[in-house]
């Protein structure tokens, strides 16, 4: 019993010290008593806990699905560029034919319009009709893309319709109707036709 009393006193002292330490220090060390005959020991964590796991590591390998999407997008751009080049080649030929037709019409301003002058200007209509057929064949392989590429030949078409309207007026004294212009140029197909806006702009600004 004499040996137990100091031990109990030591135990009470340890508990009181631990309570005081918790009160004075908001981040106390961990105290524990292994036995009445052992001294107090303090333990501190020696190695920090990692906040990252292997599952959170970023992978440097590219995403195959993303590469596939970019590959398809690149292929689409290349196809669109090739198609636009083909269209512009034909449009350039339309522009050249239009200049020849315009040169014939200019002679009308220097003399009275004769059947010979009008026929010379009208001789280019069949050439233009063939060029527009080539455009229709090119766009035929890309259904639903008419208005996407329409701007590539819009201005040239307005000029063509304007000259056709003038020649038609010199020959008949009447305005050229929309359907008549479509038939002259072969632009009366379901997918490839003469846009109404182009026709009206040619009539107003021509």
N, C-alpha and C. Protein backbone atom coordinates (compact mmCIF):
# COMPACT_ATOMS: atom_id res chain seq x y z
N UNK A 1 0.83 -1.20 0.00
CA UNK A 1 0.00 0.00 0.00
C UNK A 1 0.86 1.25 0.00
N UNK A 2 2.01 1.17 0.66
CA UNK A 2 2.89 2.32 0.67
C UNK A 2 3.45 2.60 -0.71
N UNK A 3 3.66 1.52 -1.51
CA UNK A 3 4.16 1.74 -2.87
C UNK A 3 3.07 2.24 -3.79
N UNK A 4 1.81 1.88 -3.51
CA UNK A 4 0.73 2.25 -4.41
C UNK A 4 0.37 3.72 -4.30
N UNK A 5 0.51 4.30 -3.09
CA UNK A 5 0.12 5.69 -2.90
C UNK A 5 0.95 6.63 -3.76
N UNK A 6 2.31 6.48 -3.77
CA UNK A 6 3.05 7.37 -4.69
C UNK A 6 2.65 7.16 -6.15
N UNK A 7 2.37 5.90 -6.49
CA UNK A 7 1.99 5.63 -7.87
C UNK A 7 0.68 6.31 -8.22
N UNK A 8 -0.29 6.23 -7.29
CA UNK A 8 -1.57 6.89 -7.55
C UNK A 8 -1.41 8.38 -7.62
N UNK A 9 -0.54 8.90 -6.72
CA UNK A 9 -0.29 10.34 -6.78
C UNK A 9 0.33 10.73 -8.12
N UNK A 10 1.27 9.86 -8.60
CA UNK A 10 1.87 10.14 -9.91
C UNK A 10 0.82 10.09 -11.02
N UNK A 11 -0.11 9.15 -10.89
CA UNK A 11 -1.17 9.04 -11.90
C UNK A 11 -2.05 10.26 -11.90
N UNK A 12 -2.44 10.74 -10.66
CA UNK A 12 -3.27 11.93 -10.59
C UNK A 12 -2.52 13.14 -11.13
N UNK A 13 -1.22 13.19 -10.82
CA UNK A 13 -0.41 14.31 -11.32
C UNK A 13 -0.35 14.31 -12.85
N UNK A 14 -0.27 13.11 -13.39
CA UNK A 14 -0.23 13.00 -14.86
C UNK A 14 -1.53 13.48 -15.49
N UNK A 15 -2.67 13.07 -14.91
CA UNK A 15 -3.96 13.48 -15.45
C UNK A 15 -4.16 14.97 -15.32
N UNK A 16 -3.75 15.54 -14.15
CA UNK A 16 -3.89 16.99 -13.96
C UNK A 16 -3.01 17.74 -14.93
N UNK A 17 -1.76 17.24 -15.12
CA UNK A 17 -0.85 17.90 -16.05
C UNK A 17 -1.40 17.86 -17.47
N UNK A 18 -2.00 16.73 -17.81
CA UNK A 18 -2.57 16.61 -19.15
C UNK A 18 -3.72 17.57 -19.34
N UNK A 19 -4.57 17.73 -18.28
CA UNK A 19 -5.71 18.65 -18.38
C UNK A 19 -5.22 20.08 -18.51
N UNK A 20 -4.21 20.45 -17.67
CA UNK A 20 -3.67 21.80 -17.76
C UNK A 20 -3.04 22.06 -19.12
N UNK A 21 -2.36 21.04 -19.64
CA UNK A 21 -1.72 21.20 -20.96
C UNK A 21 -2.75 21.41 -22.05
N UNK A 22 -3.88 20.69 -21.96
CA UNK A 22 -4.95 20.87 -22.96
C UNK A 22 -5.56 22.25 -22.88
N UNK A 23 -5.61 22.81 -21.66
CA UNK A 23 -6.21 24.13 -21.49
C UNK A 23 -5.30 25.23 -22.00
N UNK A 24 -4.00 25.12 -21.70
CA UNK A 24 -3.06 26.17 -22.06
C UNK A 24 -2.61 26.09 -23.51
N UNK A 25 -2.56 24.92 -24.06
CA UNK A 25 -2.05 24.73 -25.42
C UNK A 25 -3.17 24.19 -26.31
N UNK A 26 -3.61 24.94 -27.32
CA UNK A 26 -4.71 24.44 -28.18
C UNK A 26 -4.31 23.26 -29.03
N UNK A 27 -3.03 23.06 -29.21
CA UNK A 27 -2.56 21.91 -29.99
C UNK A 27 -1.59 21.09 -29.15
N UNK A 28 -2.07 20.43 -28.19
CA UNK A 28 -1.18 19.71 -27.26
C UNK A 28 -0.61 18.47 -27.89
N UNK A 29 0.49 18.04 -27.33
CA UNK A 29 1.02 16.74 -27.69
C UNK A 29 0.15 15.66 -27.08
N UNK A 30 0.34 14.48 -27.53
CA UNK A 30 -0.46 13.35 -27.03
C UNK A 30 0.27 12.75 -25.83
N UNK A 31 -0.39 12.82 -24.70
CA UNK A 31 0.20 12.27 -23.48
C UNK A 31 -0.50 10.96 -23.13
N UNK A 32 0.21 10.06 -22.68
CA UNK A 32 -0.43 8.88 -22.11
C UNK A 32 0.52 8.27 -21.09
N UNK A 33 -0.06 7.54 -20.19
CA UNK A 33 0.66 6.90 -19.09
C UNK A 33 0.63 5.40 -19.29
N UNK A 34 1.78 4.82 -19.50
CA UNK A 34 1.82 3.38 -19.75
C UNK A 34 1.61 2.59 -18.47
N UNK A 35 2.17 3.05 -17.39
CA UNK A 35 1.99 2.37 -16.09
C UNK A 35 2.38 3.36 -15.01
N UNK A 36 2.04 3.14 -13.82
CA UNK A 36 2.40 4.07 -12.75
C UNK A 36 3.90 4.21 -12.59
N UNK A 37 4.68 3.26 -13.04
CA UNK A 37 6.12 3.28 -12.80
C UNK A 37 6.90 3.77 -14.02
N UNK A 38 6.20 4.16 -15.10
CA UNK A 38 6.87 4.69 -16.28
C UNK A 38 6.72 6.19 -16.34
N UNK A 39 7.66 6.81 -16.95
CA UNK A 39 7.61 8.26 -17.10
C UNK A 39 6.72 8.63 -18.27
N UNK A 40 6.32 9.89 -18.30
CA UNK A 40 5.48 10.38 -19.40
C UNK A 40 6.28 10.39 -20.69
N UNK A 41 5.62 10.04 -21.75
CA UNK A 41 6.25 10.04 -23.07
C UNK A 41 5.41 10.89 -24.02
N UNK A 42 6.10 11.57 -24.86
CA UNK A 42 5.44 12.45 -25.83
C UNK A 42 5.74 11.95 -27.23
N UNK A 43 4.70 11.87 -28.02
CA UNK A 43 4.85 11.36 -29.39
C UNK A 43 4.38 12.42 -30.37
N UNK A 44 5.12 12.55 -31.39
CA UNK A 44 4.77 13.46 -32.48
C UNK A 44 4.85 12.68 -33.79
N UNK A 45 3.92 12.94 -34.68
CA UNK A 45 3.95 12.25 -35.98
C UNK A 45 5.20 12.68 -36.73
N UNK A 46 5.98 11.72 -37.18
CA UNK A 46 7.25 11.99 -37.83
C UNK A 46 7.11 12.24 -39.33
N UNK A 47 6.11 11.68 -39.97
CA UNK A 47 5.97 11.83 -41.42
C UNK A 47 4.62 12.43 -41.74
N UNK A 48 4.57 13.49 -42.55
CA UNK A 48 3.28 14.11 -42.89
C UNK A 48 2.45 13.19 -43.77
N UNK A 49 1.14 13.34 -43.66
CA UNK A 49 0.21 12.54 -44.45
C UNK A 49 0.07 13.16 -45.83
N UNK A 50 0.24 12.39 -46.83
CA UNK A 50 0.15 12.91 -48.19
C UNK A 50 -1.30 13.23 -48.53
N UNK A 51 -1.51 14.38 -49.17
CA UNK A 51 -2.86 14.80 -49.55
C UNK A 51 -3.25 14.31 -50.94
N UNK A 52 -2.31 13.70 -51.63
CA UNK A 52 -2.58 13.26 -52.99
C UNK A 52 -2.43 11.75 -53.07
N UNK A 53 -3.22 11.18 -53.92
CA UNK A 53 -3.13 9.75 -54.16
C UNK A 53 -2.77 9.52 -55.62
N UNK A 54 -2.44 8.31 -55.93
CA UNK A 54 -2.04 8.01 -57.30
C UNK A 54 -3.18 8.21 -58.29
N UNK A 55 -4.42 8.09 -57.79
CA UNK A 55 -5.56 8.26 -58.69
C UNK A 55 -5.77 9.70 -59.09
N UNK A 56 -5.16 10.66 -58.28
CA UNK A 56 -5.33 12.07 -58.59
C UNK A 56 -4.24 12.59 -59.50
N UNK A 57 -3.27 11.80 -59.82
CA UNK A 57 -2.17 12.24 -60.68
C UNK A 57 -2.67 12.43 -62.10
N UNK A 58 -2.18 13.48 -62.73
CA UNK A 58 -2.59 13.76 -64.10
C UNK A 58 -1.81 12.88 -65.07
N UNK A 59 -2.53 12.35 -66.02
CA UNK A 59 -1.90 11.49 -67.01
C UNK A 59 -1.42 12.34 -68.18
N UNK A 60 -0.22 12.08 -68.62
CA UNK A 60 0.34 12.82 -69.75
C UNK A 60 -0.04 12.21 -71.09
N UNK A 61 -0.66 11.06 -71.09
CA UNK A 61 -1.05 10.40 -72.35
C UNK A 61 -2.25 11.11 -72.95
N UNK A 62 -2.26 11.42 -74.27
CA UNK A 62 -3.40 12.10 -74.91
C UNK A 62 -4.64 11.22 -74.95
N UNK A 63 -5.78 11.88 -74.93
CA UNK A 63 -7.05 11.16 -74.99
C UNK A 63 -7.30 10.70 -76.42
N UNK A 64 -7.46 9.39 -76.66
CA UNK A 64 -7.67 8.90 -78.04
C UNK A 64 -8.92 9.48 -78.68
N UNK A 65 -9.99 9.65 -77.90
CA UNK A 65 -11.23 10.20 -78.47
C UNK A 65 -11.04 11.64 -78.91
N UNK A 66 -10.23 12.40 -78.15
CA UNK A 66 -9.97 13.79 -78.52
C UNK A 66 -9.14 13.87 -79.79
N UNK A 67 -8.16 13.00 -79.90
CA UNK A 67 -7.35 12.95 -81.13
C UNK A 67 -8.21 12.60 -82.34
N UNK A 68 -9.17 11.71 -82.15
CA UNK A 68 -10.05 11.32 -83.24
C UNK A 68 -10.91 12.49 -83.69
N UNK A 69 -11.43 13.26 -82.72
CA UNK A 69 -12.26 14.42 -83.06
C UNK A 69 -11.47 15.46 -83.84
N UNK A 70 -10.23 15.73 -83.41
CA UNK A 70 -9.40 16.70 -84.12
C UNK A 70 -9.04 16.18 -85.51
N UNK A 71 -8.84 14.87 -85.63
CA UNK A 71 -8.55 14.29 -86.94
C UNK A 71 -9.71 14.45 -87.90
N UNK A 72 -10.92 14.21 -87.40
CA UNK A 72 -12.11 14.38 -88.24
C UNK A 72 -12.30 15.84 -88.62
N UNK A 73 -12.04 16.74 -87.67
CA UNK A 73 -12.18 18.17 -87.95
C UNK A 73 -11.17 18.62 -89.01
N UNK A 74 -9.95 18.13 -88.92
CA UNK A 74 -8.92 18.48 -89.90
C UNK A 74 -9.29 17.96 -91.29
N UNK A 75 -9.81 16.74 -91.34
CA UNK A 75 -10.24 16.17 -92.62
C UNK A 75 -11.37 16.98 -93.23
N UNK A 76 -12.31 17.40 -92.37
CA UNK A 76 -13.44 18.21 -92.85
C UNK A 76 -12.96 19.54 -93.42
N UNK A 77 -11.99 20.17 -92.78
CA UNK A 77 -11.46 21.44 -93.28
C UNK A 77 -10.76 21.26 -94.62
N UNK A 78 -10.02 20.18 -94.75
CA UNK A 78 -9.32 19.92 -96.01
C UNK A 78 -10.31 19.68 -97.15
N UNK A 79 -11.37 18.93 -96.87
CA UNK A 79 -12.38 18.68 -97.89
C UNK A 79 -13.10 19.98 -98.28
N UNK A 80 -13.40 20.80 -97.28
CA UNK A 80 -14.07 22.08 -97.55
C UNK A 80 -13.18 22.99 -98.39
N UNK A 81 -11.88 23.01 -98.08
CA UNK A 81 -10.95 23.84 -98.85
C UNK A 81 -10.83 23.37 -100.29
N UNK A 82 -10.80 22.06 -100.49
CA UNK A 82 -10.73 21.51 -101.85
C UNK A 82 -11.98 21.85 -102.65
N UNK A 83 -13.14 21.72 -102.01
CA UNK A 83 -14.40 22.04 -102.67
C UNK A 83 -14.46 23.52 -103.05
N UNK A 84 -14.02 24.37 -102.14
CA UNK A 84 -14.06 25.81 -102.42
C UNK A 84 -13.12 26.18 -103.57
N UNK A 85 -11.99 25.51 -103.66
CA UNK A 85 -11.06 25.76 -104.78
C UNK A 85 -11.70 25.37 -106.11
N UNK A 86 -12.42 24.26 -106.13
CA UNK A 86 -13.10 23.85 -107.37
C UNK A 86 -14.17 24.85 -107.77
N UNK A 87 -14.90 25.35 -106.78
CA UNK A 87 -15.95 26.33 -107.05
C UNK A 87 -15.34 27.62 -107.60
N UNK A 88 -14.27 28.07 -106.99
CA UNK A 88 -13.65 29.33 -107.42
C UNK A 88 -13.06 29.23 -108.82
N UNK A 89 -12.62 28.05 -109.20
CA UNK A 89 -12.11 27.87 -110.57
C UNK A 89 -13.22 28.11 -111.59
N UNK A 90 -14.40 27.54 -111.33
CA UNK A 90 -15.53 27.73 -112.25
C UNK A 90 -16.02 29.17 -112.20
N UNK A 91 -16.05 29.76 -111.01
CA UNK A 91 -16.51 31.15 -110.88
C UNK A 91 -15.58 32.09 -111.64
N UNK A 92 -14.30 31.79 -111.64
CA UNK A 92 -13.35 32.60 -112.40
C UNK A 92 -13.65 32.54 -113.90
N UNK A 93 -14.06 31.37 -114.38
CA UNK A 93 -14.44 31.24 -115.79
C UNK A 93 -15.74 31.97 -116.09
N UNK A 94 -16.66 31.97 -115.13
CA UNK A 94 -17.90 32.74 -115.29
C UNK A 94 -17.58 34.23 -115.40
N UNK A 95 -16.67 34.68 -114.58
CA UNK A 95 -16.28 36.09 -114.60
C UNK A 95 -15.65 36.47 -115.94
N UNK A 96 -14.83 35.59 -116.48
CA UNK A 96 -14.20 35.86 -117.78
C UNK A 96 -15.25 35.94 -118.89
N UNK A 97 -16.21 35.02 -118.85
CA UNK A 97 -17.29 35.03 -119.86
C UNK A 97 -18.15 36.28 -119.72
N UNK A 98 -18.35 36.71 -118.49
CA UNK A 98 -19.15 37.91 -118.25
C UNK A 98 -18.48 39.14 -118.84
N UNK A 99 -17.17 39.21 -118.75
CA UNK A 99 -16.44 40.36 -119.32
C UNK A 99 -16.60 40.40 -120.84
N UNK A 100 -16.58 39.24 -121.48
CA UNK A 100 -16.78 39.20 -122.93
C UNK A 100 -18.18 39.69 -123.30
N UNK A 101 -19.15 39.27 -122.50
CA UNK A 101 -20.53 39.69 -122.75
C UNK A 101 -20.68 41.19 -122.53
N UNK A 102 -20.02 41.69 -121.52
CA UNK A 102 -20.09 43.12 -121.21
C UNK A 102 -19.45 43.95 -122.32
N UNK A 103 -18.35 43.44 -122.88
CA UNK A 103 -17.68 44.16 -123.98
C UNK A 103 -18.60 44.28 -125.19
N UNK A 104 -19.40 43.25 -125.43
CA UNK A 104 -20.35 43.31 -126.55
C UNK A 104 -21.46 44.30 -126.28
N UNK A 105 -21.92 44.36 -125.03
CA UNK A 105 -23.01 45.27 -124.68
C UNK A 105 -22.56 46.73 -124.76
N UNK A 106 -21.28 46.98 -124.47
CA UNK A 106 -20.78 48.35 -124.51
C UNK A 106 -20.93 48.97 -125.90
N UNK A 107 -20.87 48.15 -126.94
CA UNK A 107 -21.00 48.67 -128.31
C UNK A 107 -22.38 49.26 -128.57
N UNK A 108 -23.35 48.84 -127.77
CA UNK A 108 -24.71 49.34 -127.93
C UNK A 108 -24.77 50.83 -127.62
N UNK A 109 -23.92 51.29 -126.70
CA UNK A 109 -23.94 52.70 -126.30
C UNK A 109 -23.35 53.61 -127.38
N UNK A 110 -22.66 53.04 -128.34
CA UNK A 110 -22.03 53.84 -129.40
C UNK A 110 -22.81 53.77 -130.71
N UNK A 111 -23.80 52.93 -130.79
CA UNK A 111 -24.61 52.82 -131.99
C UNK A 111 -25.97 52.26 -131.62
N UNK A 112 -26.84 52.23 -132.56
CA UNK A 112 -28.16 51.66 -132.31
C UNK A 112 -28.03 50.16 -132.12
N UNK A 113 -28.82 49.60 -131.18
CA UNK A 113 -28.74 48.15 -130.96
C UNK A 113 -29.23 47.38 -132.18
N UNK A 114 -28.34 46.68 -132.79
CA UNK A 114 -28.67 45.88 -133.96
C UNK A 114 -28.78 44.41 -133.57
N UNK A 115 -29.48 43.63 -134.36
CA UNK A 115 -29.57 42.19 -134.05
C UNK A 115 -28.21 41.52 -133.96
N UNK A 116 -27.25 42.01 -134.76
CA UNK A 116 -25.92 41.40 -134.71
C UNK A 116 -25.25 41.63 -133.36
N UNK A 117 -25.37 42.85 -132.83
CA UNK A 117 -24.77 43.14 -131.53
C UNK A 117 -25.43 42.34 -130.42
N UNK A 118 -26.75 42.25 -130.49
CA UNK A 118 -27.46 41.50 -129.46
C UNK A 118 -27.13 40.01 -129.52
N UNK A 119 -27.01 39.49 -130.73
CA UNK A 119 -26.68 38.07 -130.86
C UNK A 119 -25.27 37.78 -130.36
N UNK A 120 -24.38 38.74 -130.58
CA UNK A 120 -23.01 38.55 -130.10
C UNK A 120 -22.97 38.50 -128.57
N UNK A 121 -23.78 39.33 -127.95
CA UNK A 121 -23.84 39.31 -126.48
C UNK A 121 -24.54 38.05 -125.99
N UNK A 122 -25.59 37.66 -126.69
CA UNK A 122 -26.36 36.48 -126.27
C UNK A 122 -25.60 35.17 -126.51
N UNK A 123 -24.58 35.23 -127.36
CA UNK A 123 -23.83 34.00 -127.63
C UNK A 123 -23.09 33.49 -126.40
N UNK A 124 -22.89 34.35 -125.43
CA UNK A 124 -22.19 33.95 -124.20
C UNK A 124 -23.13 33.30 -123.18
N UNK A 125 -24.43 33.35 -123.45
CA UNK A 125 -25.38 32.80 -122.49
C UNK A 125 -25.22 31.28 -122.37
N UNK A 126 -25.03 30.62 -123.51
CA UNK A 126 -24.84 29.17 -123.47
C UNK A 126 -23.57 28.78 -122.72
N UNK A 127 -22.53 29.61 -122.85
CA UNK A 127 -21.29 29.35 -122.11
C UNK A 127 -21.54 29.49 -120.61
N UNK A 128 -22.27 30.55 -120.23
CA UNK A 128 -22.59 30.75 -118.82
C UNK A 128 -23.46 29.61 -118.28
N UNK A 129 -24.39 29.17 -119.11
CA UNK A 129 -25.26 28.07 -118.69
C UNK A 129 -24.45 26.81 -118.40
N UNK A 130 -23.45 26.55 -119.22
CA UNK A 130 -22.59 25.38 -119.01
C UNK A 130 -21.76 25.52 -117.73
N UNK A 131 -21.30 26.74 -117.44
CA UNK A 131 -20.52 26.96 -116.23
C UNK A 131 -21.37 26.76 -114.97
N UNK A 132 -22.60 27.23 -115.02
CA UNK A 132 -23.47 27.03 -113.87
C UNK A 132 -23.84 25.56 -113.70
N UNK A 133 -23.89 24.84 -114.81
CA UNK A 133 -24.12 23.40 -114.71
C UNK A 133 -22.95 22.71 -114.00
N UNK A 134 -21.75 23.18 -114.29
CA UNK A 134 -20.57 22.63 -113.60
C UNK A 134 -20.65 22.91 -112.10
N UNK A 135 -21.08 24.10 -111.74
CA UNK A 135 -21.25 24.41 -110.31
C UNK A 135 -22.30 23.50 -109.67
N UNK A 136 -23.39 23.29 -110.40
CA UNK A 136 -24.45 22.43 -109.87
C UNK A 136 -23.94 21.00 -109.68
N UNK A 137 -23.12 20.53 -110.62
CA UNK A 137 -22.57 19.18 -110.49
C UNK A 137 -21.62 19.08 -109.29
N UNK A 138 -20.83 20.13 -109.08
CA UNK A 138 -19.91 20.13 -107.93
C UNK A 138 -20.68 20.11 -106.62
N UNK A 139 -21.69 20.97 -106.51
CA UNK A 139 -22.48 21.03 -105.27
C UNK A 139 -23.40 19.83 -105.12
N UNK A 140 -23.63 19.10 -106.23
CA UNK A 140 -24.50 17.93 -106.15
C UNK A 140 -23.96 16.86 -105.22
N UNK A 141 -22.64 16.81 -105.07
CA UNK A 141 -22.05 15.83 -104.16
C UNK A 141 -22.08 16.26 -102.71
N UNK A 142 -22.59 17.47 -102.46
CA UNK A 142 -22.67 17.99 -101.09
C UNK A 142 -24.06 18.57 -100.86
N UNK A 143 -25.05 17.72 -100.74
CA UNK A 143 -26.43 18.21 -100.58
C UNK A 143 -26.60 19.06 -99.33
N UNK A 144 -27.41 20.10 -99.47
CA UNK A 144 -27.68 20.97 -98.34
C UNK A 144 -26.62 22.02 -98.08
N UNK A 145 -25.61 22.11 -98.96
CA UNK A 145 -24.51 23.05 -98.75
C UNK A 145 -24.58 24.26 -99.68
N UNK A 146 -25.71 24.47 -100.34
CA UNK A 146 -25.83 25.55 -101.32
C UNK A 146 -25.51 26.92 -100.71
N UNK A 147 -26.18 27.25 -99.62
CA UNK A 147 -26.00 28.58 -99.04
C UNK A 147 -24.69 28.72 -98.27
N UNK A 148 -24.06 27.63 -97.99
CA UNK A 148 -22.75 27.72 -97.33
C UNK A 148 -21.70 28.27 -98.29
N UNK A 149 -21.80 27.90 -99.57
CA UNK A 149 -20.82 28.34 -100.57
C UNK A 149 -21.42 29.35 -101.56
N UNK A 150 -22.65 29.73 -101.34
CA UNK A 150 -23.33 30.63 -102.27
C UNK A 150 -22.59 31.95 -102.45
N UNK A 151 -21.94 32.42 -101.40
CA UNK A 151 -21.22 33.68 -101.49
C UNK A 151 -20.07 33.67 -102.47
N UNK A 152 -19.60 32.48 -102.86
CA UNK A 152 -18.47 32.40 -103.79
C UNK A 152 -18.86 32.77 -105.22
N UNK A 153 -20.14 32.68 -105.56
CA UNK A 153 -20.56 33.06 -106.92
C UNK A 153 -21.72 34.08 -106.90
N UNK A 154 -22.04 34.59 -105.75
CA UNK A 154 -23.18 35.51 -105.61
C UNK A 154 -22.99 36.79 -106.42
N UNK A 155 -21.86 37.45 -106.25
CA UNK A 155 -21.62 38.72 -106.93
C UNK A 155 -21.59 38.54 -108.44
N UNK A 156 -20.93 37.49 -108.91
CA UNK A 156 -20.84 37.23 -110.35
C UNK A 156 -22.22 36.95 -110.94
N UNK A 157 -23.05 36.23 -110.19
CA UNK A 157 -24.40 35.92 -110.68
C UNK A 157 -25.24 37.18 -110.79
N UNK A 158 -25.12 38.08 -109.85
CA UNK A 158 -25.87 39.33 -109.92
C UNK A 158 -25.47 40.14 -111.15
N UNK A 159 -24.17 40.14 -111.47
CA UNK A 159 -23.71 40.85 -112.67
C UNK A 159 -24.26 40.21 -113.94
N UNK A 160 -24.26 38.88 -113.96
CA UNK A 160 -24.78 38.15 -115.13
C UNK A 160 -26.26 38.46 -115.35
N UNK A 161 -27.05 38.39 -114.29
CA UNK A 161 -28.49 38.64 -114.40
C UNK A 161 -28.75 40.09 -114.81
N UNK A 162 -27.93 41.00 -114.33
CA UNK A 162 -28.09 42.40 -114.70
C UNK A 162 -27.90 42.59 -116.21
N UNK A 163 -26.89 41.95 -116.77
CA UNK A 163 -26.65 42.07 -118.21
C UNK A 163 -27.72 41.36 -119.02
N UNK A 164 -28.18 40.22 -118.54
CA UNK A 164 -29.27 39.52 -119.23
C UNK A 164 -30.54 40.37 -119.25
N UNK A 165 -30.78 41.05 -118.15
CA UNK A 165 -31.96 41.91 -118.07
C UNK A 165 -31.87 43.05 -119.08
N UNK A 166 -30.68 43.62 -119.22
CA UNK A 166 -30.49 44.72 -120.16
C UNK A 166 -30.65 44.25 -121.61
N UNK A 167 -30.05 43.12 -121.93
CA UNK A 167 -30.17 42.58 -123.29
C UNK A 167 -31.62 42.23 -123.60
N UNK A 168 -32.31 41.64 -122.62
CA UNK A 168 -33.71 41.27 -122.82
C UNK A 168 -34.57 42.51 -123.03
N UNK A 169 -34.27 43.58 -122.33
CA UNK A 169 -35.05 44.82 -122.50
C UNK A 169 -34.79 45.44 -123.87
N UNK A 170 -33.53 45.42 -124.33
CA UNK A 170 -33.22 45.95 -125.66
C UNK A 170 -33.92 45.15 -126.74
N UNK A 171 -34.07 43.88 -126.52
CA UNK A 171 -34.64 43.00 -127.54
C UNK A 171 -36.17 42.99 -127.53
N UNK A 172 -36.76 43.07 -126.35
CA UNK A 172 -38.22 42.94 -126.23
C UNK A 172 -38.91 44.17 -125.66
N UNK A 173 -38.14 45.03 -125.00
CA UNK A 173 -38.76 46.19 -124.35
C UNK A 173 -39.45 45.82 -123.05
N UNK A 174 -39.19 44.63 -122.53
CA UNK A 174 -39.82 44.17 -121.29
C UNK A 174 -38.75 43.77 -120.27
N UNK A 175 -39.19 43.72 -119.02
CA UNK A 175 -38.28 43.29 -117.96
C UNK A 175 -38.16 41.76 -117.95
N UNK A 176 -37.00 41.32 -117.59
CA UNK A 176 -36.74 39.88 -117.52
C UNK A 176 -37.31 39.32 -116.22
N UNK A 177 -38.16 38.32 -116.34
CA UNK A 177 -38.75 37.71 -115.16
C UNK A 177 -37.75 36.75 -114.50
N UNK A 178 -38.04 36.45 -113.25
CA UNK A 178 -37.16 35.56 -112.47
C UNK A 178 -37.08 34.18 -113.11
N UNK A 179 -38.21 33.63 -113.51
CA UNK A 179 -38.22 32.30 -114.12
C UNK A 179 -37.50 32.30 -115.46
N UNK A 180 -37.62 33.38 -116.20
CA UNK A 180 -36.92 33.47 -117.49
C UNK A 180 -35.41 33.48 -117.29
N UNK A 181 -34.95 34.20 -116.28
CA UNK A 181 -33.51 34.24 -115.99
C UNK A 181 -33.02 32.86 -115.55
N UNK A 182 -33.83 32.17 -114.77
CA UNK A 182 -33.46 30.82 -114.34
C UNK A 182 -33.31 29.88 -115.54
N UNK A 183 -34.24 29.97 -116.47
CA UNK A 183 -34.19 29.09 -117.65
C UNK A 183 -33.00 29.42 -118.54
N UNK A 184 -32.68 30.69 -118.68
CA UNK A 184 -31.54 31.08 -119.51
C UNK A 184 -30.23 30.50 -118.98
N UNK A 185 -30.08 30.51 -117.65
CA UNK A 185 -28.83 30.06 -117.03
C UNK A 185 -28.90 28.62 -116.54
N UNK A 186 -30.05 27.99 -116.71
CA UNK A 186 -30.19 26.61 -116.24
C UNK A 186 -30.21 26.50 -114.72
N UNK A 187 -30.60 27.58 -114.07
CA UNK A 187 -30.62 27.60 -112.60
C UNK A 187 -32.03 27.35 -112.08
N UNK A 188 -32.61 26.25 -112.49
CA UNK A 188 -33.97 25.93 -112.07
C UNK A 188 -34.07 24.54 -111.46
N UNK A 189 -32.96 24.07 -110.90
CA UNK A 189 -32.97 22.76 -110.26
C UNK A 189 -33.48 22.85 -108.83
N UNK A 190 -33.79 21.71 -108.22
CA UNK A 190 -34.31 21.71 -106.84
C UNK A 190 -33.26 22.13 -105.81
N UNK A 191 -31.99 21.81 -106.06
CA UNK A 191 -30.93 22.12 -105.10
C UNK A 191 -30.09 23.32 -105.52
N UNK A 192 -30.06 23.61 -106.81
CA UNK A 192 -29.21 24.69 -107.32
C UNK A 192 -30.07 25.56 -108.23
N UNK A 193 -30.37 26.78 -107.77
CA UNK A 193 -31.25 27.65 -108.54
C UNK A 193 -30.80 29.10 -108.40
N UNK A 194 -31.55 29.98 -109.04
CA UNK A 194 -31.25 31.41 -108.97
C UNK A 194 -31.90 31.99 -107.72
N UNK A 195 -31.08 32.45 -106.82
CA UNK A 195 -31.59 33.01 -105.57
C UNK A 195 -32.40 34.28 -105.87
N UNK A 196 -33.55 34.41 -105.23
CA UNK A 196 -34.43 35.56 -105.47
C UNK A 196 -33.73 36.87 -105.11
N UNK A 197 -32.95 36.85 -104.06
CA UNK A 197 -32.24 38.07 -103.65
C UNK A 197 -31.25 38.50 -104.73
N UNK A 198 -30.54 37.54 -105.32
CA UNK A 198 -29.60 37.88 -106.39
C UNK A 198 -30.33 38.48 -107.59
N UNK A 199 -31.50 37.94 -107.89
CA UNK A 199 -32.29 38.45 -109.01
C UNK A 199 -32.74 39.89 -108.74
N UNK A 200 -33.23 40.15 -107.53
CA UNK A 200 -33.73 41.49 -107.21
C UNK A 200 -32.60 42.51 -107.16
N UNK A 201 -31.46 42.13 -106.59
CA UNK A 201 -30.32 43.05 -106.54
C UNK A 201 -29.86 43.39 -107.96
N UNK A 202 -29.86 42.40 -108.84
CA UNK A 202 -29.46 42.65 -110.23
C UNK A 202 -30.43 43.60 -110.93
N UNK A 203 -31.71 43.48 -110.61
CA UNK A 203 -32.71 44.35 -111.24
C UNK A 203 -32.62 45.78 -110.72
N UNK A 204 -32.34 45.93 -109.43
CA UNK A 204 -32.33 47.26 -108.82
C UNK A 204 -31.00 47.97 -109.05
N UNK A 205 -29.90 47.23 -108.86
CA UNK A 205 -28.57 47.85 -108.92
C UNK A 205 -27.89 47.67 -110.27
N UNK A 206 -28.52 46.93 -111.17
CA UNK A 206 -27.87 46.66 -112.44
C UNK A 206 -27.86 47.86 -113.39
